[in-house]
N, C-alpha and C. Protein backbone atom coordinates (compact mmCIF):
# COMPACT_ATOMS: atom_id res chain seq x y z
N LYS A 1 3.08 26.64 -0.39
CA LYS A 1 4.27 26.08 0.47
C LYS A 1 4.34 26.39 1.63
N SER A 2 4.29 27.90 1.77
CA SER A 2 4.90 28.51 2.47
C SER A 2 3.73 28.00 4.01
N LYS A 3 2.48 28.01 3.50
CA LYS A 3 1.04 27.38 4.89
C LYS A 3 1.86 25.54 5.28
N ASP A 4 2.66 25.33 4.90
CA ASP A 4 2.84 23.53 5.04
C ASP A 4 4.35 24.07 5.52
N PHE A 5 5.11 25.18 5.34
CA PHE A 5 6.33 25.45 5.79
C PHE A 5 7.31 24.31 4.61
N GLY A 6 6.63 23.98 3.45
CA GLY A 6 7.39 23.29 2.46
C GLY A 6 7.84 22.26 2.80
N LEU A 7 7.77 21.59 3.74
CA LEU A 7 7.45 19.73 4.19
C LEU A 7 6.05 19.15 3.38
N CYS A 8 6.85 17.83 3.15
CA CYS A 8 5.68 17.14 3.06
C CYS A 8 4.77 16.76 4.40
N GLN A 9 3.38 16.71 4.10
CA GLN A 9 2.82 16.55 5.29
C GLN A 9 2.34 14.99 5.35
N VAL A 10 2.61 14.14 4.62
CA VAL A 10 2.12 13.07 5.08
C VAL A 10 3.39 12.45 5.31
N CYS A 11 4.59 13.01 5.01
CA CYS A 11 5.83 12.75 5.88
C CYS A 11 5.74 12.94 7.22
N LEU A 12 5.71 14.18 7.20
CA LEU A 12 5.56 14.90 8.39
C LEU A 12 4.56 14.60 9.71
N ASN A 13 3.45 13.30 8.91
CA ASN A 13 2.34 12.65 9.93
C ASN A 13 3.40 11.63 10.50
N LYS A 14 4.05 10.99 9.66
CA LYS A 14 4.69 9.94 10.17
C LYS A 14 5.81 10.34 10.99
N ASN A 15 6.15 11.94 11.52
CA ASN A 15 7.46 12.34 12.18
C ASN A 15 8.70 11.84 11.49
N ILE A 16 8.23 11.87 10.11
CA ILE A 16 9.33 12.29 9.17
C ILE A 16 9.45 13.83 8.57
N VAL A 17 10.98 14.31 8.86
CA VAL A 17 10.94 15.93 7.95
C VAL A 17 11.42 15.58 6.82
N LYS A 18 10.79 16.08 5.86
CA LYS A 18 11.49 15.77 4.12
C LYS A 18 10.39 17.42 3.44
N SER A 19 11.68 17.84 2.70
CA SER A 19 11.15 18.52 2.48
C SER A 19 10.17 18.68 0.76
N SER A 20 9.21 19.04 0.51
CA SER A 20 7.98 18.86 -0.29
C SER A 20 8.78 19.39 -1.50
N ASP A 21 8.63 18.82 -2.75
CA ASP A 21 8.71 18.66 -4.05
C ASP A 21 7.57 19.44 -4.79
N VAL A 22 6.40 18.71 -4.50
CA VAL A 22 5.10 18.95 -5.08
C VAL A 22 4.14 19.35 -4.41
N VAL A 23 2.96 20.76 -4.98
CA VAL A 23 2.10 21.03 -3.99
C VAL A 23 0.69 19.94 -5.11
N HIS A 24 0.31 19.43 -4.21
CA HIS A 24 -0.64 18.55 -4.84
C HIS A 24 -2.41 18.69 -4.87
N HIS A 25 -2.85 18.64 -5.82
CA HIS A 25 -4.35 19.40 -5.42
C HIS A 25 -5.26 17.95 -5.04
N ILE A 26 -5.77 18.08 -3.88
CA ILE A 26 -6.35 16.92 -3.05
C ILE A 26 -7.33 16.44 -4.33
N ILE A 27 -8.73 17.42 -4.66
CA ILE A 27 -9.40 16.84 -5.36
C ILE A 27 -8.72 17.39 -6.46
N PRO A 28 -8.55 16.82 -7.86
CA PRO A 28 -7.97 16.91 -9.36
C PRO A 28 -8.84 18.01 -9.78
N LEU A 29 -7.72 18.63 -10.58
CA LEU A 29 -8.61 19.98 -11.15
C LEU A 29 -9.32 19.47 -12.41
N ASP A 30 -9.07 18.40 -13.16
CA ASP A 30 -9.76 17.47 -13.79
C ASP A 30 -11.59 17.13 -13.55
N GLU A 31 -11.61 17.16 -12.36
CA GLU A 31 -12.72 17.33 -11.48
C GLU A 31 -13.60 18.29 -11.53
N ASP A 32 -12.46 19.54 -10.70
CA ASP A 32 -13.06 20.78 -10.45
C ASP A 32 -12.27 21.75 -10.31
N ARG A 33 -11.69 22.42 -11.94
CA ARG A 33 -10.77 23.64 -11.91
C ARG A 33 -11.03 24.44 -11.25
N ASN A 34 -12.15 25.35 -10.28
CA ASN A 34 -12.44 26.35 -9.35
C ASN A 34 -11.65 25.71 -8.45
N LYS A 35 -11.37 24.56 -8.08
CA LYS A 35 -10.39 24.23 -7.20
C LYS A 35 -8.74 24.43 -7.05
N ALA A 36 -8.57 25.34 -8.37
CA ALA A 36 -6.88 25.30 -8.54
C ALA A 36 -6.25 26.27 -8.03
N LEU A 37 -6.69 27.42 -7.03
CA LEU A 37 -5.78 27.80 -6.21
C LEU A 37 -6.35 28.06 -4.85
N ASP A 38 -7.23 27.31 -4.54
CA ASP A 38 -8.01 27.19 -3.35
C ASP A 38 -7.31 26.20 -2.42
N ARG A 39 -6.31 27.07 -1.25
CA ARG A 39 -5.39 26.62 -0.48
C ARG A 39 -6.04 25.62 0.02
N ASP A 40 -7.14 25.60 0.53
CA ASP A 40 -7.85 24.40 1.12
C ASP A 40 -8.40 22.90 0.49
N ASN A 41 -7.73 23.14 -0.45
CA ASN A 41 -7.51 21.93 -2.09
C ASN A 41 -5.73 21.43 -1.83
N LEU A 42 -5.01 22.35 -1.15
CA LEU A 42 -3.73 22.29 -1.74
C LEU A 42 -2.65 21.16 -0.30
N ILE A 43 -1.92 20.50 -0.79
CA ILE A 43 -1.23 19.78 0.20
C ILE A 43 0.30 19.70 -0.39
N CYS A 44 1.66 19.70 0.49
CA CYS A 44 2.33 19.74 0.21
C CYS A 44 3.18 18.29 0.14
N LEU A 45 3.47 17.72 -0.76
CA LEU A 45 3.39 16.32 -0.69
C LEU A 45 5.34 16.31 -1.34
N CYS A 46 6.50 15.48 -0.82
CA CYS A 46 7.47 15.03 -1.34
C CYS A 46 7.13 14.37 -2.67
N HIS A 47 8.20 13.82 -3.37
CA HIS A 47 7.98 13.09 -4.71
C HIS A 47 7.03 11.88 -4.60
N LYS A 48 8.16 11.30 -3.68
CA LYS A 48 7.39 9.83 -3.48
C LYS A 48 6.10 9.89 -3.04
N CYS A 49 5.74 10.23 -2.04
CA CYS A 49 4.45 10.21 -1.29
C CYS A 49 3.29 10.54 -2.24
N HIS A 50 3.55 11.80 -3.41
CA HIS A 50 3.02 11.88 -4.44
C HIS A 50 2.82 10.80 -5.55
N ASN A 51 3.63 10.38 -6.14
CA ASN A 51 3.69 9.28 -6.67
C ASN A 51 3.01 8.18 -6.38
N LYS A 52 3.08 8.09 -4.90
CA LYS A 52 2.25 7.10 -4.26
C LYS A 52 0.53 7.27 -4.37
N ILE A 53 0.43 8.36 -3.73
CA ILE A 53 -1.40 9.01 -3.63
C ILE A 53 -1.73 8.73 -5.17
N HIS A 54 -1.24 9.28 -6.39
CA HIS A 54 -1.70 9.28 -7.11
C HIS A 54 -1.82 7.46 -7.93
N ASN A 55 -1.00 6.84 -7.49
CA ASN A 55 -0.66 5.61 -8.20
C ASN A 55 -1.94 4.88 -7.04
N ASP A 56 -2.45 4.90 -6.09
CA ASP A 56 -3.13 4.59 -4.86
C ASP A 56 -4.56 5.16 -5.57
N MET A 57 -5.00 6.21 -6.19
CA MET A 57 -5.95 6.52 -6.28
C MET A 57 -6.39 6.13 -7.65
N LYS A 58 -5.53 5.50 -8.36
CA LYS A 58 -6.18 5.05 -9.69
C LYS A 58 -7.28 3.93 -9.10
N ASP A 59 -7.52 3.54 -7.93
CA ASP A 59 -8.45 2.46 -7.84
C ASP A 59 -9.32 3.22 -7.15
N ASN A 60 -10.63 3.53 -7.78
CA ASN A 60 -11.99 4.59 -7.34
C ASN A 60 -12.36 3.95 -5.64
N GLY A 61 -12.29 2.76 -5.35
CA GLY A 61 -12.34 2.57 -3.86
C GLY A 61 -11.56 3.41 -2.98
N LYS A 62 -10.07 3.41 -3.39
CA LYS A 62 -9.75 4.10 -2.34
C LYS A 62 -9.65 5.45 -2.66
N LYS A 63 -10.09 6.08 -3.69
CA LYS A 63 -9.48 7.54 -3.83
C LYS A 63 -10.51 8.54 -2.88
N LYS A 64 -11.44 7.93 -2.34
CA LYS A 64 -12.41 9.32 -1.63
C LYS A 64 -11.60 8.78 -0.32
N LEU A 65 -11.21 8.11 0.36
CA LEU A 65 -10.71 7.73 1.45
C LEU A 65 -9.11 8.42 1.39
N ILE A 66 -8.41 8.45 0.29
CA ILE A 66 -7.16 9.23 0.22
C ILE A 66 -7.65 10.66 0.24
N GLU A 67 -8.75 11.10 -0.56
CA GLU A 67 -8.75 12.35 -0.52
C GLU A 67 -9.16 12.91 0.96
N GLU A 68 -10.14 12.11 1.86
CA GLU A 68 -10.56 12.51 3.11
C GLU A 68 -9.24 12.70 4.11
N LYS A 69 -8.48 11.42 4.16
CA LYS A 69 -7.22 11.55 5.28
C LYS A 69 -6.60 12.92 4.65
N LEU A 70 -6.22 13.14 3.32
CA LEU A 70 -5.17 14.69 3.01
C LEU A 70 -5.85 15.85 3.60
N PHE A 71 -7.19 15.69 3.52
CA PHE A 71 -8.03 16.40 4.26
C PHE A 71 -7.58 16.83 5.62
N GLU A 72 -8.05 15.61 6.11
CA GLU A 72 -7.90 15.55 7.35
C GLU A 72 -6.28 16.28 8.11
N LEU A 73 -5.41 15.77 6.92
CA LEU A 73 -3.48 16.55 7.63
C LEU A 73 -3.95 18.07 7.37
N ILE A 74 -4.89 18.60 6.37
CA ILE A 74 -4.55 19.86 6.44
C ILE A 74 -5.12 20.54 7.24
N GLU A 75 -6.54 20.05 7.82
CA GLU A 75 -7.58 20.89 8.65
C GLU A 75 -6.50 21.54 9.76
N GLY A 76 -6.12 20.96 10.40
CA GLY A 76 -4.96 21.51 11.26
C GLY A 76 -3.63 22.88 11.37
N ARG A 77 -3.71 22.82 9.81
CA ARG A 77 -2.41 24.12 9.07
C ARG A 77 -2.62 24.99 9.38
N GLY A 78 -2.17 26.19 9.43
CA GLY A 78 -2.52 27.37 9.06
C GLY A 78 -3.23 28.01 10.07
C-alpha cells in the first residue's frame, strides 16, 4: 500500500483521488503463486474498481488486456 500511497491507481489514472481498500494481484495467485508477494504484481484498488476488474476478467478475451493496462499503471510508480 505504501508504494501506491494507499490510493486506488485506477481512479488516480482518471484524476480521482480515492483511498484503496484492496491490494490486487494482477497475475492471479491461482495462475502463479510465486507472485504472491511480488511488488511488481500488486496494485492498490478501491473496492468498486476491484470488483469491476474481477468481473471483466471473467471474459478471457479481456483478461490479458486488463492485466497489461494494470501493469502500465504501476510502471511509473515507486
